[in-house]
Amino acid sequence: MDSGKSQITYNNRSGITAAYITDTAGIWHSHKEYELVLNIESNGTRIIGDSVELFDKYDMVLIASGMPHSWHYYKGEKDLPENHGMVLHFTRSSIGDVLLMQPELKCVNKLLDESERGIVFSVNDALLTEKYLGQMINHKGLDKIIDLFCILRILCKAKNKVFLCSDEYKKKYDERGNKKMADIYLYIRENYFRPVTLQEISEIFEMNSFSFSRFFKKNSGTCFIEYLNRIRTNRACYLLRETDYPVHDIAAECGFSSISNFNKQFRKTEGKSPSNYRAQFKTS
């Protein structure tokens, strides 16, 4: 299998790029730049290191250099607006080591250090940032730099930020396995709705079950079955919120072997039954 590049480099002499997100590929990859992603009109599963979470509109995340990540969009290219998000890439050198040493930028240094675990910000912070990201796409020169610092100011002042990855993930992660993990994640994404056994996926990637399990856990932070159930449950959460499909139909569509297994796994990850989860999103 070949999912394309798993390491991406953005060629820009200034070290700062801002652009609209127009694709839905979601390849698992890493790069040397820091990345700020703002999803405006999309939903899906966000995978950053060993964090696997459902994301919604105005989900905004900051990721450090070298942290592997991908987005699995639930809507395809025909259903999503062309510009369904915005992304910013920058390096420490684009800000400047001398400038970062100044006491006024102590908070920026702290922010960049914290982004080693990935940070998700509140919807309110995302809304504040949207203006400056949009401006950065069109601005050049000093105006572009000013936009960047306006964004950094919002991120530094954010009160409701949450770390995504565990403390141990970056220490355990082996970048040499990045390409194979990209292929594994792609295979799971394309097959999670049907039975997928450990033996099957191990054979596809030419490993025995023990070696595959050890490799997968080292690079994802969790075991294969737990990850697969997390992907299935995230999709189920989306369908419970966005559709009126019967619960048993959702269970089948998301790859659960039975309604009892679905209820068990759903309670394990969400702390409530699928019906109670759906009820909290329904208005009276």
C-alpha atoms as a PDB file:
ATOM      1  CA  MET A   1       0.000   0.000   0.000  1.00  0.00           C
ATOM      2  CA  ASP A   2       1.136   3.557  -0.660  1.00  0.00           C
ATOM      3  CA  SER A   3      -0.639   6.485   0.973  1.00  0.00           C
ATOM      4  CA  GLY A   4       1.850   9.035  -0.302  1.00  0.00           C
ATOM      5  CA  LYS A   5       4.335  11.028   1.700  1.00  0.00           C
ATOM      6  CA  SER A   6       4.248  10.771   5.486  1.00  0.00           C
ATOM      7  CA  GLN A   7       6.765  13.580   5.960  1.00  0.00           C
ATOM      8  CA  ILE A   8       5.962  16.916   4.376  1.00  0.00           C
ATOM      9  CA  THR A   9       8.121  19.998   3.911  1.00  0.00           C
ATOM     10  CA  TYR A  10       6.675  23.408   3.077  1.00  0.00           C
ATOM     11  CA  ASN A  11       8.981  25.347   0.830  1.00  0.00           C
ATOM     12  CA  ASN A  12       8.781  28.976   1.862  1.00  0.00           C
ATOM     13  CA  ARG A  13      11.836  31.124   2.423  1.00  0.00           C
ATOM     14  CA  SER A  14      10.158  33.143   5.172  1.00  0.00           C
ATOM     15  CA  GLY A  15       9.210  29.996   7.084  1.00  0.00           C
ATOM     16  CA  ILE A  16       5.614  31.257   7.360  1.00  0.00           C
ATOM     17  CA  THR A  17       2.737  30.009   5.215  1.00  0.00           C
ATOM     18  CA  ALA A  18      -1.023  30.381   5.614  1.00  0.00           C
ATOM     19  CA  ALA A  19      -3.591  28.778   3.331  1.00  0.00           C
ATOM     20  CA  TYR A  20      -7.112  27.481   3.091  1.00  0.00           C
ATOM     21  CA  ILE A  21      -7.667  23.748   3.599  1.00  0.00           C
ATOM     22  CA  THR A  22      -9.299  22.414   0.458  1.00  0.00           C
ATOM     23  CA  ASP A  23      -8.516  18.686   0.499  1.00  0.00           C
ATOM     24  CA  THR A  24      -9.997  15.771   2.454  1.00  0.00           C
ATOM     25  CA  ALA A  25      -7.074  13.343   2.154  1.00  0.00           C
ATOM     26  CA  GLY A  26      -5.946  13.428   5.785  1.00  0.00           C
ATOM     27  CA  ILE A  27      -2.627  11.612   5.357  1.00  0.00           C
ATOM     28  CA  TRP A  28      -0.790  10.735   8.603  1.00  0.00           C
ATOM     29  CA  HIS A  29       2.387  12.823   8.432  1.00  0.00           C
ATOM     30  CA  SER A  30       4.825  15.060  10.277  1.00  0.00           C
ATOM     31  CA  HIS A  31       6.985  18.049   9.347  1.00  0.00           C
ATOM     32  CA  LYS A  32       9.510  20.441  10.844  1.00  0.00           C
ATOM     33  CA  GLU A  33       7.074  23.363  11.019  1.00  0.00           C
ATOM     34  CA  TYR A  34       4.688  24.213  13.846  1.00  0.00           C
ATOM     35  CA  GLU A  35       1.117  23.902  12.603  1.00  0.00           C
ATOM     36  CA  LEU A  36      -2.068  25.701  13.597  1.00  0.00           C
ATOM     37  CA  VAL A  37      -5.219  24.177  12.093  1.00  0.00           C
ATOM     38  CA  LEU A  38      -8.654  25.804  12.238  1.00  0.00           C
ATOM     39  CA  ASN A  39     -11.491  23.640  10.914  1.00  0.00           C
ATOM     40  CA  ILE A  40     -14.417  25.864   9.987  1.00  0.00           C
ATOM     41  CA  GLU A  41     -16.912  23.669   8.126  1.00  0.00           C
ATOM     42  CA  SER A  42     -15.916  20.085   8.823  1.00  0.00           C
ATOM     43  CA  ASN A  43     -16.359  17.187  11.243  1.00  0.00           C
ATOM     44  CA  GLY A  44     -14.444  13.998  11.753  1.00  0.00           C
ATOM     45  CA  THR A  45     -11.753  12.270  13.754  1.00  0.00           C
ATOM     46  CA  ARG A  46      -8.574  14.145  14.635  1.00  0.00           C
ATOM     47  CA  ILE A  47      -5.468  12.026  15.303  1.00  0.00           C
ATOM     48  CA  ILE A  48      -2.488  13.767  16.903  1.00  0.00           C
ATOM     49  CA  GLY A  49       0.154  11.475  18.370  1.00  0.00           C
ATOM     50  CA  ASP A  50      -1.736   9.145  20.721  1.00  0.00           C
ATOM     51  CA  SER A  51      -4.817  11.387  20.857  1.00  0.00           C
ATOM     52  CA  VAL A  52      -7.844  10.191  18.861  1.00  0.00           C
ATOM     53  CA  GLU A  53     -10.810  12.556  19.176  1.00  0.00           C
ATOM     54  CA  LEU A  54     -13.952  13.650  17.392  1.00  0.00           C
ATOM     55  CA  PHE A  55     -13.651  17.210  16.103  1.00  0.00           C
ATOM     56  CA  ASP A  56     -16.368  19.641  15.081  1.00  0.00           C
ATOM     57  CA  LYS A  57     -16.727  23.088  13.567  1.00  0.00           C
ATOM     58  CA  TYR A  58     -14.275  25.683  14.896  1.00  0.00           C
ATOM     59  CA  ASP A  59     -11.921  23.081  16.245  1.00  0.00           C
ATOM     60  CA  MET A  60      -8.480  24.723  16.488  1.00  0.00           C
ATOM     61  CA  VAL A  61      -5.262  22.879  17.301  1.00  0.00           C
ATOM     62  CA  LEU A  62      -1.590  23.849  17.606  1.00  0.00           C
ATOM     63  CA  ILE A  63       0.951  21.088  16.903  1.00  0.00           C
ATOM     64  CA  ALA A  64       4.705  21.185  17.477  1.00  0.00           C
ATOM     65  CA  SER A  65       7.411  20.403  14.980  1.00  0.00           C
ATOM     66  CA  GLY A  66       7.789  16.662  14.383  1.00  0.00           C
ATOM     67  CA  MET A  67       4.431  15.646  15.889  1.00  0.00           C
ATOM     68  CA  PRO A  68       2.621  13.182  13.568  1.00  0.00           C
ATOM     69  CA  HIS A  69      -1.013  13.945  12.848  1.00  0.00           C
ATOM     70  CA  SER A  70      -3.942  13.537  10.463  1.00  0.00           C
ATOM     71  CA  TRP A  71      -7.589  14.512  10.071  1.00  0.00           C
ATOM     72  CA  HIS A  72     -10.263  12.057   8.928  1.00  0.00           C
ATOM     73  CA  TYR A  73     -13.136  14.092   7.468  1.00  0.00           C
ATOM     74  CA  TYR A  74     -16.587  12.507   7.572  1.00  0.00           C
ATOM     75  CA  LYS A  75     -17.861  14.521   4.624  1.00  0.00           C
ATOM     76  CA  GLY A  76     -16.297  13.923   1.226  1.00  0.00           C
ATOM     77  CA  GLU A  77     -15.013  16.460  -1.247  1.00  0.00           C
ATOM     78  CA  LYS A  78     -18.447  16.901  -2.857  1.00  0.00           C
ATOM     79  CA  ASP A  79     -20.135  17.722   0.459  1.00  0.00           C
ATOM     80  CA  LEU A  80     -17.581  20.052   2.051  1.00  0.00           C
ATOM     81  CA  PRO A  81     -17.156  23.710   1.059  1.00  0.00           C
ATOM     82  CA  GLU A  82     -13.983  24.228  -0.978  1.00  0.00           C
ATOM     83  CA  ASN A  83     -12.316  26.249   1.795  1.00  0.00           C
ATOM     84  CA  HIS A  84     -13.433  24.274   4.847  1.00  0.00           C
ATOM     85  CA  GLY A  85     -10.577  25.314   7.109  1.00  0.00           C
ATOM     86  CA  MET A  86      -7.344  27.267   7.423  1.00  0.00           C
ATOM     87  CA  VAL A  87      -3.815  26.194   8.263  1.00  0.00           C
ATOM     88  CA  LEU A  88      -0.742  28.119   9.378  1.00  0.00           C
ATOM     89  CA  HIS A  89       2.832  26.793   9.295  1.00  0.00           C
ATOM     90  CA  PHE A  90       5.789  28.545  10.873  1.00  0.00           C
ATOM     91  CA  THR A  91       9.193  27.738  12.348  1.00  0.00           C
ATOM     92  CA  ARG A  92      11.017  29.066  15.400  1.00  0.00           C
ATOM     93  CA  SER A  93      13.585  30.609  13.083  1.00  0.00           C
ATOM     94  CA  SER A  94      10.842  32.534  11.273  1.00  0.00           C
ATOM     95  CA  ILE A  95      10.221  34.375  14.548  1.00  0.00           C
ATOM     96  CA  GLY A  96      13.909  34.522  15.410  1.00  0.00           C
ATOM     97  CA  ASP A  97      15.872  33.065  18.335  1.00  0.00           C
ATOM     98  CA  VAL A  98      17.075  36.491  19.458  1.00  0.00           C
ATOM     99  CA  LEU A  99      13.526  37.838  19.548  1.00  0.00           C
ATOM    100  CA  LEU A 100      12.268  34.749  21.363  1.00  0.00           C
ATOM    101  CA  MET A 101      14.891  35.312  24.065  1.00  0.00           C
ATOM    102  CA  GLN A 102      13.291  38.629  25.005  1.00  0.00           C
ATOM    103  CA  PRO A 103      11.257  38.579  28.247  1.00  0.00           C
ATOM    104  CA  GLU A 104       8.231  39.925  26.377  1.00  0.00           C
ATOM    105  CA  LEU A 105       8.029  36.650  24.449  1.00  0.00           C
ATOM    106  CA  LYS A 106       8.321  34.335  27.436  1.00  0.00           C
ATOM    107  CA  CYS A 107       4.686  33.328  26.914  1.00  0.00           C
ATOM    108  CA  VAL A 108       5.377  32.422  23.267  1.00  0.00           C
ATOM    109  CA  ASN A 109       8.262  30.157  24.294  1.00  0.00           C
ATOM    110  CA  LYS A 110       5.986  28.487  26.819  1.00  0.00           C
ATOM    111  CA  LEU A 111       3.281  28.035  24.175  1.00  0.00           C
ATOM    112  CA  LEU A 112       5.695  26.419  21.736  1.00  0.00           C
ATOM    113  CA  ASP A 113       6.976  24.091  24.454  1.00  0.00           C
ATOM    114  CA  GLU A 114       3.410  23.109  25.394  1.00  0.00           C
ATOM    115  CA  SER A 115       2.555  22.396  21.754  1.00  0.00           C
ATOM    116  CA  GLU A 116       4.846  19.333  21.998  1.00  0.00           C
ATOM    117  CA  ARG A 117       1.729  17.580  23.322  1.00  0.00           C
ATOM    118  CA  GLY A 118      -0.670  19.256  20.894  1.00  0.00           C
ATOM    119  CA  ILE A 119      -3.122  21.874  22.191  1.00  0.00           C
ATOM    120  CA  VAL A 120      -6.812  22.260  21.371  1.00  0.00           C
ATOM    121  CA  PHE A 121      -8.337  25.691  22.005  1.00  0.00           C
ATOM    122  CA  SER A 122     -11.875  26.855  22.725  1.00  0.00           C
ATOM    123  CA  VAL A 123     -14.361  27.776  20.019  1.00  0.00           C
ATOM    124  CA  ASN A 124     -14.213  31.367  21.253  1.00  0.00           C
ATOM    125  CA  ASP A 125     -10.436  31.506  20.730  1.00  0.00           C
ATOM    126  CA  ALA A 126     -10.921  29.928  17.301  1.00  0.00           C
ATOM    127  CA  LEU A 127     -13.401  32.634  16.343  1.00  0.00           C
ATOM    128  CA  LEU A 128     -10.980  35.333  17.470  1.00  0.00           C
ATOM    129  CA  THR A 129      -8.163  33.757  15.469  1.00  0.00           C
ATOM    130  CA  GLU A 130     -10.166  33.257  12.271  1.00  0.00           C
ATOM    131  CA  LYS A 131      -9.881  36.929  11.256  1.00  0.00           C
ATOM    132  CA  TYR A 132      -6.093  36.996  11.440  1.00  0.00           C
ATOM    133  CA  LEU A 133      -5.644  33.639   9.715  1.00  0.00           C
ATOM    134  CA  GLY A 134      -7.809  34.901   6.867  1.00  0.00           C
ATOM    135  CA  GLN A 135      -5.740  38.062   6.638  1.00  0.00           C
ATOM    136  CA  MET A 136      -2.466  36.109   6.637  1.00  0.00           C
ATOM    137  CA  ILE A 137      -3.542  34.214   3.529  1.00  0.00           C
ATOM    138  CA  ASN A 138      -3.674  37.498   1.587  1.00  0.00           C
ATOM    139  CA  HIS A 139      -1.142  39.672   3.420  1.00  0.00           C
ATOM    140  CA  LYS A 140       2.553  39.948   2.672  1.00  0.00           C
ATOM    141  CA  GLY A 141       5.545  41.523   4.383  1.00  0.00           C
ATOM    142  CA  LEU A 142       5.106  43.299   7.698  1.00  0.00           C
ATOM    143  CA  ASP A 143       1.309  42.936   7.698  1.00  0.00           C
ATOM    144  CA  LYS A 144       1.705  39.151   7.587  1.00  0.00           C
ATOM    145  CA  ILE A 145       4.113  39.209  10.550  1.00  0.00           C
ATOM    146  CA  ILE A 146       1.730  41.431  12.514  1.00  0.00           C
ATOM    147  CA  ASP A 147      -1.096  38.942  11.861  1.00  0.00           C
ATOM    148  CA  LEU A 148       1.126  36.130  13.161  1.00  0.00           C
ATOM    149  CA  PHE A 149       1.822  37.951  16.407  1.00  0.00           C
ATOM    150  CA  CYS A 150      -1.864  38.781  16.831  1.00  0.00           C
ATOM    151  CA  ILE A 151      -2.575  35.051  16.573  1.00  0.00           C
ATOM    152  CA  LEU A 152       0.200  34.185  19.026  1.00  0.00           C
ATOM    153  CA  ARG A 153      -1.199  36.742  21.469  1.00  0.00           C
ATOM    154  CA  ILE A 154      -4.631  35.067  21.358  1.00  0.00           C
ATOM    155  CA  LEU A 155      -3.102  31.613  21.839  1.00  0.00           C
ATOM    156  CA  CYS A 156      -0.894  32.758  24.714  1.00  0.00           C
ATOM    157  CA  LYS A 157      -3.839  34.368  26.516  1.00  0.00           C
ATOM    158  CA  ALA A 158      -6.146  31.380  25.987  1.00  0.00           C
ATOM    159  CA  LYS A 159      -7.623  30.108  29.249  1.00  0.00           C
ATOM    160  CA  ASN A 160      -9.537  27.047  28.076  1.00  0.00           C
ATOM    161  CA  LYS A 161      -6.857  25.057  26.295  1.00  0.00           C
ATOM    162  CA  VAL A 162      -6.470  21.290  26.595  1.00  0.00           C
ATOM    163  CA  PHE A 163      -3.390  19.146  25.975  1.00  0.00           C
ATOM    164  CA  LEU A 164      -3.963  16.227  23.623  1.00  0.00           C
ATOM    165  CA  CYS A 165      -1.047  13.780  23.799  1.00  0.00           C
ATOM    166  CA  SER A 166       0.322  11.963  26.797  1.00  0.00           C
ATOM    167  CA  ASP A 167       3.654  13.092  28.279  1.00  0.00           C
ATOM    168  CA  GLU A 168       5.279   9.832  27.208  1.00  0.00           C
ATOM    169  CA  TYR A 169       4.208   9.758  23.560  1.00  0.00           C
ATOM    170  CA  LYS A 170       6.996  11.849  22.012  1.00  0.00           C
ATOM    171  CA  LYS A 171       9.616   9.791  23.875  1.00  0.00           C
ATOM    172  CA  LYS A 172       8.232   6.487  22.581  1.00  0.00           C
ATOM    173  CA  TYR A 173       7.344   7.542  19.054  1.00  0.00           C
ATOM    174  CA  ASP A 174       9.734   6.241  16.391  1.00  0.00           C
ATOM    175  CA  GLU A 175       9.734   8.439  13.291  1.00  0.00           C
ATOM    176  CA  ARG A 176      11.148   5.573  11.231  1.00  0.00           C
ATOM    177  CA  GLY A 177       7.728   3.907  11.400  1.00  0.00           C
ATOM    178  CA  ASN A 178       5.905   6.985  10.126  1.00  0.00           C
ATOM    179  CA  LYS A 179       5.321   5.724   6.581  1.00  0.00           C
ATOM    180  CA  LYS A 180       4.016   2.328   7.713  1.00  0.00           C
ATOM    181  CA  MET A 181       1.739   3.956  10.295  1.00  0.00           C
ATOM    182  CA  ALA A 182       0.339   6.194   7.542  1.00  0.00           C
ATOM    183  CA  ASP A 183      -0.548   3.079   5.552  1.00  0.00           C
ATOM    184  CA  ILE A 184      -2.037   1.329   8.594  1.00  0.00           C
ATOM    185  CA  TYR A 185      -4.195   4.328   9.504  1.00  0.00           C
ATOM    186  CA  LEU A 186      -5.378   4.602   5.909  1.00  0.00           C
ATOM    187  CA  TYR A 187      -6.313   0.913   5.852  1.00  0.00           C
ATOM    188  CA  ILE A 188      -8.284   1.249   9.099  1.00  0.00           C
ATOM    189  CA  ARG A 189     -10.045   4.368   7.825  1.00  0.00           C
ATOM    190  CA  GLU A 190     -11.145   2.544   4.684  1.00  0.00           C
ATOM    191  CA  ASN A 191     -12.212  -0.674   6.461  1.00  0.00           C
ATOM    192  CA  TYR A 192     -13.376   0.186  10.017  1.00  0.00           C
ATOM    193  CA  PHE A 193     -17.041  -0.393   9.058  1.00  0.00           C
ATOM    194  CA  ARG A 194     -16.471  -4.147   8.620  1.00  0.00           C
ATOM    195  CA  PRO A 195     -14.838  -6.827  10.812  1.00  0.00           C
ATOM    196  CA  VAL A 196     -11.066  -6.248  10.908  1.00  0.00           C
ATOM    197  CA  THR A 197      -9.065  -8.746  12.952  1.00  0.00           C
ATOM    198  CA  LEU A 198      -5.579  -8.400  14.363  1.00  0.00           C
ATOM    199  CA  GLN A 199      -4.483 -11.407  12.337  1.00  0.00           C
ATOM    200  CA  GLU A 200      -5.806  -9.920   9.089  1.00  0.00           C
ATOM    201  CA  ILE A 201      -4.117  -6.555   9.448  1.00  0.00           C
ATOM    202  CA  SER A 202      -0.873  -8.152  10.686  1.00  0.00           C
ATOM    203  CA  GLU A 203      -0.692 -10.309   7.566  1.00  0.00           C
ATOM    204  CA  ILE A 204      -1.432  -7.363   5.271  1.00  0.00           C
ATOM    205  CA  PHE A 205       1.507  -5.459   6.733  1.00  0.00           C
ATOM    206  CA  GLU A 206       3.720  -8.543   6.741  1.00  0.00           C
ATOM    207  CA  MET A 207       4.185  -8.948  10.492  1.00  0.00           C
ATOM    208  CA  ASN A 208       3.118 -11.560  12.983  1.00  0.00           C
ATOM    209  CA  SER A 209       0.407 -10.539  15.440  1.00  0.00           C
ATOM    210  CA  PHE A 210       2.805  -9.942  18.326  1.00  0.00           C
ATOM    211  CA  SER A 211       5.165  -7.752  16.267  1.00  0.00           C
ATOM    212  CA  PHE A 212       2.273  -5.770  14.784  1.00  0.00           C
ATOM    213  CA  SER A 213       0.703  -5.173  18.206  1.00  0.00           C
ATOM    214  CA  ARG A 214       4.003  -3.970  19.657  1.00  0.00           C
ATOM    215  CA  PHE A 215       4.713  -1.735  16.643  1.00  0.00           C
ATOM    216  CA  PHE A 216       1.213  -0.255  16.638  1.00  0.00           C
ATOM    217  CA  LYS A 217       1.148   0.511  20.353  1.00  0.00           C
ATOM    218  CA  LYS A 218       4.614   2.094  20.267  1.00  0.00           C
ATOM    219  CA  ASN A 219       3.601   4.472  17.497  1.00  0.00           C
ATOM    220  CA  SER A 220      -0.043   5.115  18.367  1.00  0.00           C
ATOM    221  CA  GLY A 221       0.044   4.918  22.163  1.00  0.00           C
ATOM    222  CA  THR A 222      -2.773   2.369  22.293  1.00  0.00           C
ATOM    223  CA  CYS A 223      -3.503  -1.195  21.217  1.00  0.00           C
ATOM    224  CA  PHE A 224      -5.005  -1.921  17.815  1.00  0.00           C
ATOM    225  CA  ILE A 225      -8.463  -3.024  19.016  1.00  0.00           C
ATOM    226  CA  GLU A 226      -8.840   0.002  21.298  1.00  0.00           C
ATOM    227  CA  TYR A 227      -7.889   2.305  18.457  1.00  0.00           C
ATOM    228  CA  LEU A 228     -10.298   0.603  16.046  1.00  0.00           C
ATOM    229  CA  ASN A 229     -13.151   0.897  18.556  1.00  0.00           C
ATOM    230  CA  ARG A 230     -12.305   4.558  19.117  1.00  0.00           C
ATOM    231  CA  ILE A 231     -12.552   5.260  15.382  1.00  0.00           C
ATOM    232  CA  ARG A 232     -15.867   3.410  15.217  1.00  0.00           C
ATOM    233  CA  THR A 233     -17.258   5.177  18.274  1.00  0.00           C
ATOM    234  CA  ASN A 234     -16.255   8.614  16.975  1.00  0.00           C
ATOM    235  CA  ARG A 235     -18.127   7.930  13.755  1.00  0.00           C
ATOM    236  CA  ALA A 236     -21.124   6.717  15.755  1.00  0.00           C
ATOM    237  CA  CYS A 237     -21.101   9.915  17.838  1.00  0.00           C
ATOM    238  CA  TYR A 238     -21.243  11.960  14.656  1.00  0.00           C
ATOM    239  CA  LEU A 239     -24.160   9.940  13.247  1.00  0.00           C
ATOM    240  CA  LEU A 240     -26.071  10.072  16.541  1.00  0.00           C
ATOM    241  CA  ARG A 241     -25.736  13.865  16.569  1.00  0.00           C
ATOM    242  CA  GLU A 242     -26.272  14.618  12.892  1.00  0.00           C
ATOM    243  CA  THR A 243     -28.829  12.013  11.764  1.00  0.00           C
ATOM    244  CA  ASP A 244     -32.010  10.281  12.882  1.00  0.00           C
ATOM    245  CA  TYR A 245     -30.796   6.794  11.925  1.00  0.00           C
ATOM    246  CA  PRO A 246     -31.899   4.067  14.375  1.00  0.00           C
ATOM    247  CA  VAL A 247     -29.218   3.134  16.904  1.00  0.00           C
ATOM    248  CA  HIS A 248     -28.961  -0.441  15.649  1.00  0.00           C
ATOM    249  CA  ASP A 249     -28.365   0.828  12.086  1.00  0.00           C
ATOM    250  CA  ILE A 250     -25.607   3.131  13.304  1.00  0.00           C
ATOM    251  CA  ALA A 251     -23.983   0.246  15.179  1.00  0.00           C
ATOM    252  CA  ALA A 252     -23.930  -1.850  12.013  1.00  0.00           C
ATOM    253  CA  GLU A 253     -22.708   1.001   9.798  1.00  0.00           C
ATOM    254  CA  CYS A 254     -19.802   1.711  12.159  1.00  0.00           C
ATOM    255  CA  GLY A 255     -18.585  -1.881  12.181  1.00  0.00           C
ATOM    256  CA  PHE A 256     -19.788  -3.148  15.561  1.00  0.00           C
ATOM    257  CA  SER A 257     -20.573  -6.858  15.585  1.00  0.00           C
ATOM    258  CA  SER A 258     -23.767  -6.511  17.656  1.00  0.00           C
ATOM    259  CA  ILE A 259     -25.883  -3.902  19.402  1.00  0.00           C
ATOM    260  CA  SER A 260     -24.696  -5.197  22.781  1.00  0.00           C
ATOM    261  CA  ASN A 261     -21.045  -4.786  21.763  1.00  0.00           C
ATOM    262  CA  PHE A 262     -21.831  -1.290  20.468  1.00  0.00           C
ATOM    263  CA  ASN A 263     -23.478  -0.287  23.748  1.00  0.00           C
ATOM    264  CA  LYS A 264     -20.564  -1.694  25.745  1.00  0.00           C
ATOM    265  CA  GLN A 265     -17.874   0.084  23.726  1.00  0.00           C
ATOM    266  CA  PHE A 266     -19.859   3.315  23.576  1.00  0.00           C
ATOM    267  CA  ARG A 267     -20.331   3.417  27.347  1.00  0.00           C
ATOM    268  CA  LYS A 268     -16.630   2.672  27.789  1.00  0.00           C
ATOM    269  CA  THR A 269     -15.524   5.705  25.782  1.00  0.00           C
ATOM    270  CA  GLU A 270     -18.404   8.163  26.272  1.00  0.00           C
ATOM    271  CA  GLY A 271     -19.629   7.212  29.747  1.00  0.00           C
ATOM    272  CA  LYS A 272     -23.268   6.929  28.652  1.00  0.00           C
ATOM    273  CA  SER A 273     -25.521   4.945  26.349  1.00  0.00           C
ATOM    274  CA  PRO A 274     -25.882   5.883  22.663  1.00  0.00           C
ATOM    275  CA  SER A 275     -29.509   6.908  23.274  1.00  0.00           C
ATOM    276  CA  ASN A 276     -28.573   9.209  26.156  1.00  0.00           C
ATOM    277  CA  TYR A 277     -25.744  10.670  24.100  1.00  0.00           C
ATOM    278  CA  ARG A 278     -28.137  11.480  21.270  1.00  0.00           C
ATOM    279  CA  ALA A 279     -30.711  12.965  23.637  1.00  0.00           C
ATOM    280  CA  GLN A 280     -28.325  15.650  24.890  1.00  0.00           C
ATOM    281  CA  PHE A 281     -28.100  17.092  21.359  1.00  0.00           C
ATOM    282  CA  LYS A 282     -31.823  17.151  20.706  1.00  0.00           C
ATOM    283  CA  THR A 283     -33.722  20.345  21.468  1.00  0.00           C
ATOM    284  CA  SER A 284     -37.155  20.200  22.967  1.00  0.00           C
END
